[in-house]
N, C-alpha and C. Protein backbone atom coordinates (compact mmCIF):
# COMPACT_ATOMS: atom_id res chain seq x y z
N UNK A 1 28.93 38.49 11.50
CA UNK A 1 29.19 36.81 10.54
C UNK A 1 27.88 36.45 10.58
N UNK A 2 26.71 36.91 11.19
CA UNK A 2 25.00 36.49 10.82
C UNK A 2 24.99 36.64 9.65
N UNK A 3 25.36 37.96 8.96
CA UNK A 3 25.00 38.42 7.24
C UNK A 3 25.68 37.79 6.21
N UNK A 4 26.80 36.99 7.06
CA UNK A 4 27.46 36.67 5.99
C UNK A 4 27.42 35.24 6.15
N UNK A 5 27.47 34.42 7.15
CA UNK A 5 27.05 33.04 6.74
C UNK A 5 25.34 32.90 6.37
N UNK A 6 24.36 33.82 6.85
CA UNK A 6 23.05 33.49 6.08
C UNK A 6 22.65 34.54 5.12
N UNK A 7 23.81 34.87 4.35
CA UNK A 7 23.76 35.07 3.08
C UNK A 7 22.80 36.51 3.00
N UNK A 8 22.82 37.62 3.66
CA UNK A 8 22.10 38.48 4.39
C UNK A 8 22.48 39.25 2.64
N UNK A 9 21.33 39.31 1.79
CA UNK A 9 21.04 40.22 0.68
C UNK A 9 21.65 41.78 0.93
N UNK A 10 21.00 42.51 2.05
CA UNK A 10 21.04 43.56 2.45
C UNK A 10 22.73 43.71 2.08
N UNK A 11 23.61 43.09 2.67
CA UNK A 11 24.31 43.00 3.62
C UNK A 11 25.49 42.28 2.64
N UNK A 12 25.55 41.54 1.35
CA UNK A 12 26.13 40.74 0.70
C UNK A 12 27.63 41.03 0.42
N UNK A 13 27.79 42.41 -0.17
CA UNK A 13 28.82 42.68 -0.72
C UNK A 13 29.96 42.95 0.47
N UNK A 14 29.45 44.14 1.30
CA UNK A 14 30.64 44.68 2.18
C UNK A 14 30.54 42.96 3.38
N UNK A 15 29.79 42.09 3.51
CA UNK A 15 30.16 41.11 4.18
C UNK A 15 31.33 40.33 3.23
N UNK A 16 30.95 39.84 2.20
CA UNK A 16 32.01 39.25 1.34
C UNK A 16 33.36 39.64 0.79
N UNK A 17 33.02 41.01 1.21
CA UNK A 17 34.50 41.70 0.50
C UNK A 17 35.73 41.73 2.31
N UNK A 18 34.68 41.88 3.12
CA UNK A 18 35.60 41.84 4.76
C UNK A 18 36.03 40.49 5.02
N UNK A 19 35.20 39.39 4.06
CA UNK A 19 35.52 38.03 4.77
C UNK A 19 36.46 37.27 3.49
N UNK A 20 36.81 37.76 2.66
CA UNK A 20 37.41 37.73 1.35
C UNK A 20 38.86 38.02 2.11
N UNK A 21 39.15 38.99 2.81
CA UNK A 21 40.18 39.69 3.08
C UNK A 21 40.53 39.22 4.42
N UNK A 22 39.67 38.52 5.10
CA UNK A 22 39.79 37.56 6.57
C UNK A 22 40.80 36.05 5.68
N UNK A 23 39.88 35.72 4.36
CA UNK A 23 40.07 34.39 4.09
C UNK A 23 42.07 34.71 3.75
N UNK A 24 42.17 35.68 3.12
CA UNK A 24 43.17 35.76 2.05
C UNK A 24 44.18 36.42 3.06
N UNK A 25 44.12 36.54 4.36
CA UNK A 25 45.37 36.85 5.43
C UNK A 25 45.64 38.35 5.81
N UNK A 26 44.75 38.96 4.89
CA UNK A 26 44.89 41.00 4.86
C UNK A 26 44.53 40.72 5.90
N UNK A 27 43.13 40.42 6.95
CA UNK A 27 42.71 40.84 7.99
C UNK A 27 42.66 39.90 8.95
N UNK A 28 42.74 39.49 10.37
CA UNK A 28 42.54 39.00 11.35
C UNK A 28 41.38 38.89 11.93
N UNK A 29 40.65 38.42 12.08
CA UNK A 29 39.19 38.16 12.56
C UNK A 29 39.35 37.73 14.28
N UNK A 30 39.09 38.49 15.08
CA UNK A 30 38.86 38.08 16.80
C UNK A 30 37.28 38.16 16.94
N UNK A 31 37.21 36.49 17.29
CA UNK A 31 35.98 35.76 17.71
C UNK A 31 35.58 35.57 19.62
N UNK A 32 34.33 35.59 20.19
CA UNK A 32 34.69 35.15 21.20
C UNK A 32 33.51 34.10 21.81
N UNK A 33 33.35 33.71 22.95
CA UNK A 33 32.10 32.87 22.90
C UNK A 33 31.12 33.66 23.37
N UNK A 34 31.03 34.90 23.32
CA UNK A 34 29.81 36.19 22.77
C UNK A 34 29.22 35.73 21.77
N UNK A 35 30.27 36.08 20.62
CA UNK A 35 29.96 35.86 19.55
C UNK A 35 29.46 34.36 19.25
N UNK A 36 30.10 33.37 19.00
CA UNK A 36 29.06 31.99 19.25
C UNK A 36 27.51 32.21 19.51
N UNK A 37 27.84 32.62 21.11
CA UNK A 37 26.25 32.56 21.21
C UNK A 37 25.46 33.54 21.08
N UNK A 38 25.19 34.16 20.32
CA UNK A 38 24.84 35.28 20.19
C UNK A 38 24.28 34.29 18.50
N UNK A 39 25.18 34.06 17.74
CA UNK A 39 25.22 33.48 16.29
C UNK A 39 24.10 32.25 16.57
N UNK A 40 24.59 31.51 17.58
CA UNK A 40 23.88 29.85 17.76
C UNK A 40 22.24 30.22 17.76
N UNK A 41 22.09 31.33 18.68
CA UNK A 41 20.47 31.35 19.19
C UNK A 41 19.39 31.05 18.19
N UNK A 42 19.51 31.80 16.74
CA UNK A 42 18.42 31.29 15.31
C UNK A 42 18.82 29.55 14.90
N UNK A 43 19.44 29.29 14.72
CA UNK A 43 20.10 28.27 14.07
C UNK A 43 19.73 26.81 15.57
N UNK A 44 19.59 27.32 17.00
CA UNK A 44 19.25 26.38 17.74
C UNK A 44 17.77 26.02 17.75
N UNK A 45 17.27 27.69 17.80
CA UNK A 45 15.58 27.52 18.10
C UNK A 45 15.43 26.91 16.60
N UNK A 46 15.61 26.89 15.35
CA UNK A 46 14.82 26.60 14.46
C UNK A 46 15.40 24.85 13.70
N UNK A 47 16.32 24.57 15.16
CA UNK A 47 17.08 23.37 14.46
C UNK A 47 17.55 22.92 13.22
N UNK A 48 18.18 23.79 13.09
CA UNK A 48 18.92 23.85 11.33
C UNK A 48 20.73 23.65 12.22
N UNK A 49 20.58 22.22 11.89
CA UNK A 49 22.13 21.81 12.32
C UNK A 49 23.39 22.11 11.39
N UNK A 50 23.08 21.95 10.38
CA UNK A 50 24.22 22.74 9.18
C UNK A 50 24.28 23.96 9.91
N UNK A 51 23.60 25.33 9.87
CA UNK A 51 23.98 26.03 10.11
C UNK A 51 24.63 26.42 11.40
N UNK A 52 24.09 25.42 12.43
CA UNK A 52 24.66 25.60 13.75
C UNK A 52 26.38 25.18 13.46
N UNK A 53 26.79 24.06 12.56
CA UNK A 53 27.74 23.56 12.67
C UNK A 53 28.57 24.89 11.77
N UNK A 54 27.91 25.49 10.94
CA UNK A 54 28.91 26.57 9.96
C UNK A 54 28.90 27.35 11.05
N UNK A 55 27.93 28.03 11.52
CA UNK A 55 28.50 29.09 12.29
C UNK A 55 29.36 28.55 13.54
N UNK A 56 29.75 27.89 13.65
CA UNK A 56 30.56 26.94 14.97
C UNK A 56 32.17 26.69 14.63
N UNK A 57 31.75 26.38 12.95
CA UNK A 57 33.11 26.21 12.38
C UNK A 57 33.89 27.94 11.87
N UNK A 58 33.12 28.73 12.21
CA UNK A 58 33.56 30.11 11.14
C UNK A 58 34.33 30.78 12.40
N UNK A 59 33.55 30.85 13.68
CA UNK A 59 33.48 31.78 14.85
C UNK A 59 34.83 30.84 15.49
N UNK A 60 35.02 29.75 15.62
CA UNK A 60 36.06 28.86 16.67
C UNK A 60 37.26 28.43 15.44
N UNK A 61 37.24 28.07 14.61
CA UNK A 61 38.06 27.51 13.82
C UNK A 61 38.37 28.43 12.62
N UNK A 62 37.97 29.44 12.49
CA UNK A 62 38.01 29.78 11.05
C UNK A 62 39.72 30.36 10.43
N UNK A 63 39.50 30.16 9.42
CA UNK A 63 40.57 30.59 8.53
C UNK A 63 41.38 32.48 9.14
N UNK A 64 41.89 32.49 9.66
CA UNK A 64 43.24 33.89 10.25
C UNK A 64 41.69 34.63 11.10
N UNK A 65 41.36 33.57 12.32
CA UNK A 65 40.36 33.99 12.82
C UNK A 65 41.17 33.29 14.52
N UNK A 66 41.09 34.48 15.49
CA UNK A 66 41.42 34.08 16.80
C UNK A 66 40.07 34.21 17.88
N UNK A 67 39.85 32.77 18.22
CA UNK A 67 38.54 32.59 19.38
C UNK A 67 39.54 33.09 20.89
N UNK A 68 38.85 34.45 20.64
CA UNK A 68 39.63 35.17 22.33
C UNK A 68 38.59 34.43 23.26
N UNK A 69 39.51 33.93 24.41
CA UNK A 69 38.51 33.63 25.43
C UNK A 69 38.03 34.52 26.40
N UNK A 70 36.92 34.23 27.61
CA UNK A 70 36.88 35.72 28.05
C UNK A 70 37.27 35.00 29.92
N UNK A 71 38.46 35.79 29.90
CA UNK A 71 38.91 35.65 31.56
C UNK A 71 38.52 36.43 32.70
N UNK A 72 39.41 36.82 33.22
CA UNK A 72 38.81 38.00 34.26
C UNK A 72 39.76 38.51 34.44
N UNK A 73 40.57 39.20 33.16
CA UNK A 73 40.53 40.37 33.01
C UNK A 73 39.72 41.03 31.83
N UNK A 74 38.99 40.28 31.02
CA UNK A 74 38.36 40.88 30.00
C UNK A 74 37.25 41.26 30.70
N UNK A 75 36.72 40.18 31.80
CA UNK A 75 35.66 40.77 32.46
C UNK A 75 36.05 42.36 33.70
N UNK A 76 37.04 42.06 33.94
CA UNK A 76 37.65 43.66 34.43
C UNK A 76 37.16 44.61 33.57
N UNK A 77 37.82 44.49 32.12
CA UNK A 77 37.78 45.30 31.29
C UNK A 77 36.40 45.83 30.48
N UNK A 78 35.73 44.82 30.92
CA UNK A 78 33.98 44.93 30.73
C UNK A 78 33.18 45.95 31.88
N UNK A 79 33.59 45.24 32.46
CA UNK A 79 33.12 46.36 33.80
C UNK A 79 33.61 48.01 34.16
N UNK A 80 34.45 48.00 33.37
CA UNK A 80 35.03 49.46 33.30
C UNK A 80 34.18 50.14 32.13
N UNK A 81 34.40 49.36 31.18
CA UNK A 81 33.25 49.74 29.84
C UNK A 81 32.32 49.84 30.02
N UNK A 82 30.86 49.04 30.70
CA UNK A 82 30.09 49.35 31.23
C UNK A 82 29.85 50.47 31.87
N UNK A 83 30.48 50.45 33.02
CA UNK A 83 30.45 51.78 34.08
C UNK A 83 31.08 53.62 33.01
N UNK A 84 31.86 52.99 32.46
CA UNK A 84 31.72 54.66 31.39
C UNK A 84 30.79 54.58 29.80
N UNK A 85 30.57 53.65 29.79
CA UNK A 85 29.26 54.01 28.48
C UNK A 85 28.37 53.50 28.96
N UNK A 86 27.75 52.70 29.58
CA UNK A 86 26.56 52.61 29.76
C UNK A 86 26.51 50.87 28.71
N UNK A 87 27.14 50.54 28.56
CA UNK A 87 26.89 49.43 27.77
C UNK A 87 25.93 48.21 28.20
N UNK A 88 25.55 47.72 27.14
CA UNK A 88 24.99 46.14 27.88
C UNK A 88 25.91 45.19 28.07
N UNK A 89 26.00 44.29 29.17
CA UNK A 89 26.94 43.38 29.23
C UNK A 89 27.42 42.97 28.27
N UNK A 90 26.65 42.67 26.99
CA UNK A 90 27.05 41.46 26.06
C UNK A 90 28.25 42.59 25.15
N UNK A 91 27.62 43.25 25.22
CA UNK A 91 28.35 44.55 24.21
C UNK A 91 29.90 45.18 25.15
N UNK A 92 29.87 45.15 26.12
CA UNK A 92 31.19 45.23 26.94
C UNK A 92 32.28 44.07 27.01
N UNK A 93 31.44 43.03 26.86
CA UNK A 93 32.08 41.79 26.88
C UNK A 93 33.12 41.60 25.33
N UNK A 94 32.18 41.47 24.51
CA UNK A 94 32.84 41.78 23.24
C UNK A 94 34.10 42.98 22.92
N UNK A 95 33.64 44.65 23.11
CA UNK A 95 34.45 45.05 23.16
C UNK A 95 35.76 44.81 24.17
N UNK A 96 35.83 44.40 25.19
CA UNK A 96 36.72 44.32 25.93
C UNK A 96 37.80 42.66 25.69
N UNK A 97 36.76 42.03 25.04
CA UNK A 97 37.77 41.30 24.23
C UNK A 97 38.07 41.70 22.47
N UNK A 98 37.72 42.03 22.52
CA UNK A 98 38.33 42.46 20.68
C UNK A 98 39.74 43.77 21.72
N UNK A 99 39.55 44.44 22.80
CA UNK A 99 40.82 45.56 23.26
C UNK A 99 41.69 44.44 23.66
N UNK A 100 41.42 43.59 24.86
CA UNK A 100 42.48 42.70 25.40
C UNK A 100 42.94 41.82 23.84
N UNK A 101 42.49 41.75 22.55
CA UNK A 101 43.26 41.01 21.55
C UNK A 101 43.72 41.85 21.18
N UNK A 102 44.12 43.23 21.17
CA UNK A 102 44.86 44.67 20.73
C UNK A 102 43.84 44.58 19.43
N UNK A 103 42.77 44.34 19.49
CA UNK A 103 41.84 44.73 18.00
C UNK A 103 42.15 46.48 17.50
N UNK A 104 42.26 46.89 16.27
CA UNK A 104 41.97 48.04 16.17
C UNK A 104 40.66 48.75 15.95
N UNK A 105 39.88 47.51 15.28
CA UNK A 105 38.58 47.83 15.28
C UNK A 105 37.33 47.14 15.49
N UNK A 106 36.30 47.10 15.27
CA UNK A 106 34.97 46.60 15.78
C UNK A 106 34.34 46.71 14.72
N UNK A 107 33.49 45.28 14.11
CA UNK A 107 32.53 45.66 13.00
C UNK A 107 31.59 45.40 13.46
N UNK A 108 30.52 46.27 13.40
CA UNK A 108 29.43 45.94 14.23
C UNK A 108 27.99 46.73 13.36
N UNK A 109 26.59 46.53 13.67
CA UNK A 109 26.00 46.83 12.80
C UNK A 109 24.72 47.67 13.82
N UNK A 110 25.65 47.83 15.32
CA UNK A 110 25.06 49.03 16.16
C UNK A 110 25.55 50.22 16.56
N UNK A 111 24.86 51.12 15.87
CA UNK A 111 25.54 52.38 15.97
C UNK A 111 25.76 52.78 17.13
N UNK A 112 25.24 52.72 17.96
CA UNK A 112 25.12 53.08 19.45
C UNK A 112 26.62 52.97 20.30
N UNK A 113 27.29 51.88 19.56
CA UNK A 113 28.76 51.76 19.90
C UNK A 113 29.66 52.62 19.37
N UNK A 114 29.37 53.80 18.38
CA UNK A 114 30.58 54.46 17.90
C UNK A 114 30.64 55.35 19.28
N UNK A 115 29.82 55.37 20.17
CA UNK A 115 30.37 56.29 21.44
C UNK A 115 31.80 55.72 22.36
N UNK A 116 32.10 54.57 22.05
CA UNK A 116 33.36 53.86 22.82
C UNK A 116 34.53 53.94 22.03
N UNK A 117 35.10 55.11 22.82
CA UNK A 117 36.37 55.60 21.84
C UNK A 117 37.60 54.95 21.71
N UNK A 118 37.75 53.87 22.44
CA UNK A 118 39.31 53.08 22.63
C UNK A 118 39.66 52.25 21.12
N UNK A 119 38.62 52.35 20.51
CA UNK A 119 38.98 51.39 19.24
C UNK A 119 37.45 51.88 18.57
N UNK A 120 38.61 51.55 17.03
CA UNK A 120 37.48 52.18 15.97
C UNK A 120 36.32 51.43 15.71
N UNK A 121 34.81 51.76 16.08
CA UNK A 121 33.66 50.88 15.25
C UNK A 121 33.29 51.72 13.89
N UNK A 122 33.27 50.18 13.17
CA UNK A 122 32.73 50.29 12.24
C UNK A 122 31.34 49.78 11.91
N UNK A 123 30.45 50.77 11.08
CA UNK A 123 29.35 49.99 11.50
C UNK A 123 28.54 49.48 9.66
N UNK A 124 28.48 48.26 10.03
CA UNK A 124 28.33 47.51 8.50
C UNK A 124 26.95 48.08 7.51
N UNK A 125 26.65 48.98 7.90
CA UNK A 125 25.34 49.48 7.07
C UNK A 125 25.39 50.82 6.55
N UNK A 126 26.55 51.26 7.32
CA UNK A 126 27.29 52.63 6.56
C UNK A 126 28.39 52.08 5.72
N UNK A 127 28.81 50.95 5.98
CA UNK A 127 30.07 50.26 4.68
C UNK A 127 28.96 50.11 3.49
N UNK A 128 27.75 49.78 3.76
CA UNK A 128 26.93 49.02 2.60
C UNK A 128 26.73 50.54 1.64
N UNK A 129 26.13 51.81 2.88
CA UNK A 129 25.86 52.72 2.31
C UNK A 129 27.03 53.44 1.25
N UNK A 130 28.04 53.46 1.65
CA UNK A 130 28.96 53.68 0.60
C UNK A 130 29.41 53.26 -0.43
N UNK A 131 29.12 51.80 -0.60
CA UNK A 131 29.28 50.55 -1.36
C UNK A 131 28.37 51.27 -2.98
């Protein structure tokens, strides 16, 4: 989401394609409070209120986007993922939220998450390299 909203030139082709598919209902995006918290750090530090709002609107109310709360079941699942894969808490919460929502894949730019086998992990840099 960060690359898309901030229009990162390195990933513009892949993110534009993905978000076009989300906008057209071909894909459903699942986000969580972790996504929101991670994406808002730089805009808050920089005082960029419009960017803060852009992230908030896309993550919480985006078209064909489901904002997945973190509840006790997501917390429990995150703990088992952390134990099994030695993930950071934030990564474990993101993956647990995705699994709880029934996601088939997780889009990331962290190749280390490919060790998780419960869902397909798509690395954005690899998509961009294939373009």
